[in-house]
Amino acid sequence: MRKYRGVLVGCFLVFATVKPSSASSLLVWGSGAATNVPPELTNVVSVAAGSGHCLAVLPDGSVVSWGENSYSQTNVPMDLSNVVAVSGGFYHSLALKMDGTVVGWGRNTHAQRTMPEGLSNVVALAAGGEHSVALRSNGTVVNWGQYSDGTPTYSEMPIPADRSNIVAIAAGSDHDLMLRSDGTVSGWGLDMDGQATVPPDLSNVVAIACGGYHSLALRSDGVVIGWGRNYSGQTDMPPGLSNVVKITAGYEHNIAVRSDGTIVTWGAGLDGQTNAPAGVSNVVAITAGKPFSVALVEESTATPFVLIAKEWVYSNGVFSVSVQSRVGKMYRLEYKEKLSDSGWNQLPPQSGDGGRIRLSGPATGPEGYFRVREE
């Protein structure tokens, strides 16, 4: 399985999470029980926030969870293993296993953690308020559960009929987004604040995020676009925000990572969730809940970022992937055979020219992990 951006194509698993070295730290700010990070937590591979709780995947495929636990949303199943990604909703949690199956726990009032019959080959997941969304390896989308007004997940704005060639999904309180390989975005669900109505001229999107009742899109030029509810300025981009490489949305606030590894926060901040620690850099992953924010920081002189891939191919012992490049930046394909292996095998870097470039590397078989770094 090929590691890169949380999307499995054929037999290749690809994630948007950099595995940090042992010299890494998980920073949480804001308020609530989720800010009480377990002191022994190290070597986090990926992290995800629910409304008031947090989930972390470790290199051995196990999961650690903490924060609010009113519906057992932090009670990770004892036999859970081989996890490659997690997602948190209001009061439920989801975990994606290496075999493409999904496990859920926590609140289940609307079957939001009960997997649909036959759900398999999942490569990405997103937990909404009281519903869940999954992306399968064939580029199609499945969702289940219920929106807060009591309607099922296919009502009001039904999931678009064109559910093919999807490369990313995102879930808000009561709406969802999906990103296609051509850079276009579609939304569905409840739309009282226009959060599911994608701007008609939106294109060249490389990442998406859903807040409580607002939405974000990151374009390939590093610009962030927001729409939906704006009670706290969450869809108003901060002046000068540019060169963004990652985005995430909390309930009414947002976080962006810029190409230099620094972060920008905006939106509701009464609980301190937008008061990021001063001098934070080398951020490799971000997530946000309702009253808190999280950043995974690699304490290194290098500043790696995993990019969004398109057109991934495996043939005759070679894996290749296309990424959007920037002039003046170098792009390096790295790989390992096992998720738990320490360190990455590095291939020679290629220079960016402002367009899409293709990176290739050896693949000894149909299993392994890849990532792309911008340096």
Protein backbone atom coordinates (compact mmCIF):
# COMPACT_ATOMS: atom_id res chain seq x y z
CA MET A 1 0.00 0.00 0.00
CA ARG A 2 1.37 3.36 -1.07
CA LYS A 3 1.45 6.06 1.57
CA TYR A 4 0.22 9.50 0.59
CA ARG A 5 -2.94 11.57 1.35
CA GLY A 6 -5.47 9.12 2.78
CA VAL A 7 -6.59 7.86 -0.60
CA LEU A 8 -6.28 4.26 -1.71
CA VAL A 9 -6.14 3.70 -5.45
CA GLY A 10 -6.05 0.07 -6.41
CA CYS A 11 -3.66 -1.41 -3.86
CA PHE A 12 -1.87 1.80 -2.89
CA LEU A 13 -2.59 3.66 0.34
CA VAL A 14 -1.64 7.32 0.31
CA PHE A 15 -1.92 9.80 3.17
CA ALA A 16 -1.61 13.53 3.82
CA THR A 17 0.21 13.01 7.09
CA VAL A 18 3.94 13.26 7.68
CA LYS A 19 5.19 10.72 10.22
CA PRO A 20 7.32 12.82 12.58
CA SER A 21 10.57 11.72 14.11
CA SER A 22 10.85 11.03 17.83
CA ALA A 23 11.69 14.72 18.27
CA SER A 24 8.09 15.81 17.78
CA SER A 25 5.43 17.47 19.87
CA LEU A 26 1.66 17.71 19.89
CA LEU A 27 0.51 21.23 20.73
CA VAL A 28 -3.08 21.80 21.89
CA TRP A 29 -4.53 25.17 22.83
CA GLY A 30 -7.97 26.51 23.74
CA SER A 31 -10.17 25.02 26.45
CA GLY A 32 -11.92 21.81 27.42
CA ALA A 33 -10.90 18.27 28.27
CA ALA A 34 -9.18 17.74 24.92
CA THR A 35 -6.39 20.12 25.98
CA ASN A 36 -5.27 17.52 28.57
CA VAL A 37 -2.97 15.60 26.25
CA PRO A 38 -1.70 12.31 27.68
CA PRO A 39 1.85 13.09 28.88
CA GLU A 40 3.27 9.84 27.52
CA LEU A 41 1.97 10.47 23.99
CA THR A 42 4.87 10.53 21.48
CA ASN A 43 5.57 9.65 17.86
CA VAL A 44 2.10 10.54 16.63
CA VAL A 45 1.51 9.62 12.99
CA SER A 46 -1.78 11.48 12.54
CA VAL A 47 -4.29 13.31 14.71
CA ALA A 48 -7.99 14.18 14.41
CA ALA A 49 -10.34 16.25 16.55
CA GLY A 50 -13.98 15.69 17.34
CA SER A 51 -16.14 18.39 18.89
CA GLY A 52 -14.62 17.95 22.35
CA HIS A 53 -12.28 14.98 22.04
CA CYS A 54 -9.14 14.02 20.15
CA LEU A 55 -7.72 10.89 18.48
CA ALA A 56 -4.12 10.05 17.58
CA VAL A 57 -2.68 7.23 15.50
CA LEU A 58 0.69 5.81 16.59
CA PRO A 59 3.33 4.17 14.37
CA ASP A 60 2.24 0.67 15.40
CA GLY A 61 -1.30 1.30 14.15
CA SER A 62 -2.82 1.73 17.61
CA VAL A 63 -5.05 4.65 18.62
CA VAL A 64 -4.98 6.90 21.68
CA SER A 65 -7.96 9.12 22.52
CA TRP A 66 -8.67 11.73 25.18
CA GLY A 67 -11.08 14.57 26.00
CA GLU A 68 -14.82 14.58 26.54
CA ASN A 69 -16.19 11.08 27.00
CA SER A 70 -19.91 11.53 27.67
CA TYR A 71 -20.79 8.87 25.07
CA SER A 72 -17.64 6.71 25.27
CA GLN A 73 -16.20 8.47 22.25
CA THR A 74 -12.69 8.18 23.73
CA ASN A 75 -13.06 4.51 24.73
CA VAL A 76 -10.99 3.01 21.93
CA PRO A 77 -11.95 -0.64 21.30
CA MET A 78 -9.46 -2.93 23.00
CA ASP A 79 -8.82 -5.05 19.89
CA LEU A 80 -8.43 -2.14 17.48
CA SER A 81 -5.19 -2.41 15.48
CA ASN A 82 -3.63 -1.66 12.09
CA VAL A 83 -5.24 1.79 11.99
CA VAL A 84 -4.05 4.26 9.36
CA ALA A 85 -6.49 7.17 9.86
CA VAL A 86 -9.06 8.46 12.37
CA SER A 87 -11.86 11.02 12.47
CA GLY A 88 -14.00 12.48 15.25
CA GLY A 89 -17.61 13.70 15.16
CA PHE A 90 -19.62 15.43 17.84
CA TYR A 91 -19.75 12.36 20.07
CA HIS A 92 -18.54 9.45 17.94
CA SER A 93 -15.21 8.29 16.54
CA LEU A 94 -14.15 6.42 13.42
CA ALA A 95 -10.98 4.51 12.55
CA LEU A 96 -9.84 3.31 9.15
CA LYS A 97 -7.86 0.08 9.16
CA MET A 98 -5.18 -0.94 6.71
CA ASP A 99 -7.50 -3.51 5.11
CA GLY A 100 -9.99 -0.80 4.10
CA THR A 101 -12.57 -1.52 6.80
CA VAL A 102 -13.92 1.06 9.26
CA VAL A 103 -14.55 0.72 13.00
CA GLY A 104 -16.76 3.12 14.97
CA TRP A 105 -17.47 3.79 18.64
CA GLY A 106 -19.20 6.38 20.81
CA ARG A 107 -22.69 7.81 20.43
CA ASN A 108 -24.90 5.89 18.00
CA THR A 109 -28.34 7.52 18.27
CA HIS A 110 -28.62 7.72 14.48
CA ALA A 111 -26.38 4.76 13.54
CA GLN A 112 -23.55 7.18 12.79
CA ARG A 113 -20.99 4.66 14.04
CA THR A 114 -22.72 1.56 12.58
CA MET A 115 -21.07 0.70 9.29
CA PRO A 116 -23.35 0.19 6.28
CA GLU A 117 -23.55 -3.44 5.23
CA GLY A 118 -20.78 -4.37 2.85
CA LEU A 119 -18.71 -1.23 3.41
CA SER A 120 -15.17 -2.08 2.33
CA ASN A 121 -12.21 -0.75 0.36
CA VAL A 122 -12.44 2.54 2.25
CA VAL A 123 -9.49 4.89 1.83
CA ALA A 124 -10.64 8.02 3.69
CA LEU A 125 -13.33 8.85 6.25
CA ALA A 126 -14.94 11.89 7.84
CA ALA A 127 -17.12 12.05 10.94
CA GLY A 128 -19.74 14.80 10.98
CA GLY A 129 -22.06 15.89 13.76
CA GLU A 130 -24.20 12.76 13.88
CA HIS A 131 -23.34 11.26 10.51
CA SER A 132 -20.33 9.76 8.75
CA VAL A 133 -18.83 9.76 5.25
CA ALA A 134 -16.44 7.32 3.58
CA LEU A 135 -14.45 7.43 0.35
CA ARG A 136 -13.85 4.09 -1.35
CA SER A 137 -10.90 3.01 -3.48
CA ASN A 138 -12.95 3.31 -6.68
CA GLY A 139 -13.41 7.04 -6.03
CA THR A 140 -17.03 6.79 -4.89
CA VAL A 141 -18.59 8.17 -1.70
CA VAL A 142 -20.90 6.60 0.89
CA ASN A 143 -22.52 8.35 3.87
CA TRP A 144 -24.79 7.30 6.71
CA GLY A 145 -26.37 8.62 9.89
CA GLN A 146 -28.58 11.67 10.27
CA TYR A 147 -28.45 15.45 10.21
CA SER A 148 -29.49 17.40 13.30
CA ASP A 149 -32.96 18.33 12.02
CA GLY A 150 -33.87 14.65 11.93
CA THR A 151 -33.49 14.14 8.20
CA PRO A 152 -31.36 11.32 6.79
CA THR A 153 -28.07 12.14 5.13
CA TYR A 154 -29.48 12.04 1.63
CA SER A 155 -32.23 14.66 2.16
CA GLU A 156 -32.51 18.43 1.59
CA MET A 157 -29.44 18.59 -0.67
CA PRO A 158 -29.00 14.97 -1.83
CA ILE A 159 -25.50 13.68 -2.34
CA PRO A 160 -24.57 14.56 -5.94
CA ALA A 161 -25.23 11.86 -8.52
CA ASP A 162 -21.71 12.27 -9.87
CA ARG A 163 -19.74 10.55 -7.12
CA SER A 164 -16.86 9.32 -9.24
CA ASN A 165 -13.21 10.39 -9.34
CA ILE A 166 -13.40 11.69 -5.78
CA VAL A 167 -10.03 12.20 -4.05
CA ALA A 168 -11.05 13.82 -0.73
CA ILE A 169 -14.08 14.22 1.55
CA ALA A 170 -14.95 16.48 4.50
CA ALA A 171 -17.84 16.50 6.97
CA GLY A 172 -19.34 19.36 8.98
CA SER A 173 -22.11 19.37 11.54
CA ASP A 174 -24.83 18.78 8.96
CA HIS A 175 -23.18 19.10 5.56
CA ASP A 176 -20.43 17.47 3.52
CA LEU A 177 -18.00 18.24 0.73
CA MET A 178 -16.18 16.12 -1.82
CA LEU A 179 -13.20 17.02 -4.01
CA ARG A 180 -12.79 15.54 -7.48
CA SER A 181 -9.53 14.78 -9.22
CA ASP A 182 -10.15 17.67 -11.63
CA GLY A 183 -10.07 20.18 -8.76
CA THR A 184 -13.82 20.80 -8.57
CA VAL A 185 -15.89 20.56 -5.38
CA SER A 186 -19.49 19.52 -4.64
CA GLY A 187 -21.46 19.89 -1.42
CA TRP A 188 -24.62 18.39 0.03
CA GLY A 189 -26.61 18.27 3.27
CA LEU A 190 -28.34 21.02 5.22
CA ASP A 191 -27.72 24.43 3.68
CA MET A 192 -29.34 27.04 5.92
CA ASP A 193 -26.23 29.25 5.78
CA GLY A 194 -25.08 28.31 2.29
CA GLN A 195 -22.39 26.00 3.67
CA ALA A 196 -23.20 23.29 1.12
CA THR A 197 -23.49 25.66 -1.85
CA VAL A 198 -20.05 25.71 -3.45
CA PRO A 199 -19.08 29.00 -5.17
CA PRO A 200 -19.79 28.46 -8.89
CA ASP A 201 -16.38 29.70 -10.03
CA LEU A 202 -14.35 27.60 -7.60
CA SER A 203 -11.67 25.53 -9.35
CA ASN A 204 -8.13 24.18 -9.00
CA VAL A 205 -8.90 23.02 -5.45
CA VAL A 206 -6.39 20.72 -3.74
CA ALA A 207 -7.88 20.45 -0.22
CA ILE A 208 -11.24 20.96 1.51
CA ALA A 209 -12.48 21.34 5.09
CA CYS A 210 -15.87 21.60 6.80
CA GLY A 211 -16.54 23.52 10.00
CA GLY A 212 -19.76 23.48 11.96
CA TYR A 213 -21.73 25.42 9.35
CA HIS A 214 -19.02 26.78 7.06
CA SER A 215 -16.68 25.40 4.43
CA LEU A 216 -13.12 26.01 3.22
CA ALA A 217 -11.24 25.18 0.03
CA LEU A 218 -7.52 25.48 -0.66
CA ARG A 219 -6.55 26.22 -4.26
CA SER A 220 -3.34 25.11 -5.92
CA ASP A 221 -2.06 28.70 -5.82
CA GLY A 222 -2.09 28.66 -2.00
CA VAL A 223 -5.23 30.79 -1.67
CA VAL A 224 -8.05 29.81 0.75
CA ILE A 225 -11.73 30.38 -0.09
CA GLY A 226 -14.51 30.24 2.52
CA TRP A 227 -18.31 30.20 2.41
CA GLY A 228 -21.28 29.50 4.69
CA ARG A 229 -21.99 30.82 8.19
CA ASN A 230 -19.85 33.79 9.14
CA TYR A 231 -21.02 34.78 12.63
CA SER A 232 -17.42 34.83 13.89
CA GLY A 233 -15.56 35.85 10.76
CA GLN A 234 -14.68 32.26 9.94
CA THR A 235 -15.21 32.75 6.21
CA ASP A 236 -13.34 36.07 6.08
CA MET A 237 -9.74 35.32 5.16
CA PRO A 238 -7.11 37.14 7.22
CA PRO A 239 -5.38 39.94 5.27
CA GLY A 240 -2.33 38.70 3.43
CA LEU A 241 -3.08 35.01 3.88
CA SER A 242 -1.18 33.23 1.09
CA ASN A 243 1.19 30.35 0.40
CA VAL A 244 -1.11 28.01 2.32
CA VAL A 245 -0.37 24.27 2.11
CA LYS A 246 -2.84 22.84 4.66
CA ILE A 247 -6.23 23.84 6.07
CA THR A 248 -8.58 22.60 8.78
CA ALA A 249 -11.85 23.90 10.19
CA GLY A 250 -13.17 23.74 13.73
CA TYR A 251 -16.74 24.49 14.70
CA GLU A 252 -16.41 28.26 14.12
CA HIS A 253 -12.69 28.76 13.59
CA ASN A 254 -9.96 27.74 11.15
CA ILE A 255 -6.25 26.97 10.98
CA ALA A 256 -3.97 27.25 7.95
CA VAL A 257 -0.38 26.11 7.56
CA ARG A 258 1.81 28.20 5.29
CA SER A 259 4.70 26.95 3.18
CA ASP A 260 7.22 28.09 5.79
CA GLY A 261 5.64 25.79 8.40
CA THR A 262 3.96 28.58 10.37
CA ILE A 263 0.24 28.73 11.13
CA VAL A 264 -2.55 31.29 10.93
CA THR A 265 -5.80 31.03 12.91
CA TRP A 266 -9.03 33.01 12.61
CA GLY A 267 -12.70 32.92 13.57
CA ALA A 268 -14.27 32.38 17.00
CA GLY A 269 -11.68 32.62 19.76
CA LEU A 270 -13.50 33.14 23.06
CA ASP A 271 -12.15 29.81 24.34
CA GLY A 272 -8.62 30.56 23.20
CA GLN A 273 -8.83 28.25 20.20
CA THR A 274 -7.34 30.90 17.90
CA ASN A 275 -4.55 31.86 20.32
CA ALA A 276 -1.83 29.69 18.86
CA PRO A 277 1.41 29.50 20.85
CA ALA A 278 3.90 32.12 19.70
CA GLY A 279 6.68 31.04 17.40
CA VAL A 280 5.13 27.74 16.29
CA SER A 281 6.77 26.42 13.11
CA ASN A 282 7.55 23.13 11.38
CA VAL A 283 3.87 22.19 11.61
CA VAL A 284 3.17 18.96 9.75
CA ALA A 285 -0.48 18.33 10.67
CA ILE A 286 -3.40 20.34 12.07
CA THR A 287 -6.90 19.62 13.32
CA ALA A 288 -9.53 21.58 15.23
CA GLY A 289 -12.49 20.84 17.51
CA LYS A 290 -15.06 23.23 18.90
CA PRO A 291 -13.15 25.03 21.71
CA PHE A 292 -9.62 23.84 20.91
CA SER A 293 -6.96 23.49 18.21
CA VAL A 294 -4.16 20.99 17.60
CA ALA A 295 -0.86 21.15 15.74
CA LEU A 296 1.62 18.33 15.24
CA VAL A 297 5.10 19.83 15.14
CA GLU A 298 8.32 18.27 13.93
CA GLU A 299 11.29 19.68 15.80
CA SER A 300 13.75 19.67 12.96
CA THR A 301 15.76 22.10 10.86
CA ALA A 302 13.89 20.81 7.84
CA THR A 303 10.30 21.79 7.10
CA PRO A 304 8.60 18.91 5.27
CA PHE A 305 5.09 19.09 3.91
CA VAL A 306 3.09 16.33 2.36
CA LEU A 307 1.40 17.47 -0.80
CA ILE A 308 -1.81 16.45 -2.50
CA ALA A 309 -1.27 13.85 -5.21
CA LYS A 310 -3.07 13.16 -8.43
CA GLU A 311 -2.66 10.56 -11.16
CA TRP A 312 -0.96 7.96 -8.98
CA VAL A 313 0.24 4.92 -10.91
CA TYR A 314 1.93 1.61 -10.09
CA SER A 315 3.35 -0.45 -12.94
CA ASN A 316 6.23 -2.87 -13.40
CA GLY A 317 7.83 -2.20 -10.04
CA VAL A 318 7.56 1.60 -10.22
CA PHE A 319 5.21 3.91 -8.30
CA SER A 320 4.70 7.45 -9.59
CA VAL A 321 2.58 10.38 -8.57
CA SER A 322 1.85 13.87 -9.89
CA VAL A 323 1.97 16.94 -7.64
CA GLN A 324 1.45 20.64 -8.14
CA SER A 325 4.84 22.35 -7.80
CA ARG A 326 6.01 25.86 -7.07
CA VAL A 327 8.99 27.66 -8.59
CA GLY A 328 11.99 27.68 -6.26
CA LYS A 329 10.88 24.62 -4.26
CA MET A 330 12.30 21.09 -4.34
CA TYR A 331 10.13 17.96 -4.30
CA ARG A 332 11.29 14.62 -2.96
CA LEU A 333 9.55 11.24 -3.12
CA GLU A 334 10.20 9.09 -0.04
CA TYR A 335 9.14 5.53 0.71
CA LYS A 336 9.21 2.75 3.29
CA GLU A 337 8.06 -0.85 3.33
CA LYS A 338 6.30 -0.80 6.72
CA LEU A 339 4.47 1.97 8.56
CA SER A 340 6.45 1.17 11.71
CA ASP A 341 9.86 1.41 10.02
CA SER A 342 12.02 4.23 11.34
CA GLY A 343 13.06 6.76 8.73
CA TRP A 344 12.18 7.09 5.07
CA ASN A 345 14.18 6.04 2.01
CA GLN A 346 14.84 9.24 0.10
CA LEU A 347 15.01 9.64 -3.66
CA PRO A 348 16.80 12.53 -5.40
CA PRO A 349 14.76 15.75 -5.34
CA GLN A 350 13.29 17.44 -8.38
CA SER A 351 12.89 21.19 -8.80
CA GLY A 352 9.47 22.77 -9.15
CA ASP A 353 8.57 24.75 -12.25
CA GLY A 354 5.17 26.08 -11.22
CA GLY A 355 3.29 23.28 -12.96
CA ARG A 356 2.55 19.66 -12.24
CA ILE A 357 5.60 17.40 -12.01
CA ARG A 358 5.77 13.61 -11.79
CA LEU A 359 7.87 11.82 -9.19
CA SER A 360 8.72 8.13 -9.49
CA GLY A 361 10.22 5.56 -7.17
CA PRO A 362 10.88 1.84 -6.93
CA ALA A 363 8.18 -0.45 -5.57
CA THR A 364 9.34 -3.96 -4.71
CA GLY A 365 5.76 -5.18 -4.48
CA PRO A 366 2.15 -4.07 -4.06
CA GLU A 367 2.68 -3.02 -0.44
CA GLY A 368 4.60 -0.09 0.99
CA TYR A 369 4.22 3.59 1.85
CA PHE A 370 5.09 6.76 -0.04
CA ARG A 371 5.01 10.48 0.72
CA VAL A 372 6.12 13.60 -1.12
CA ARG A 373 7.92 16.45 0.63
CA GLU A 374 8.22 20.05 -0.44
CA GLU A 375 11.50 21.55 0.72
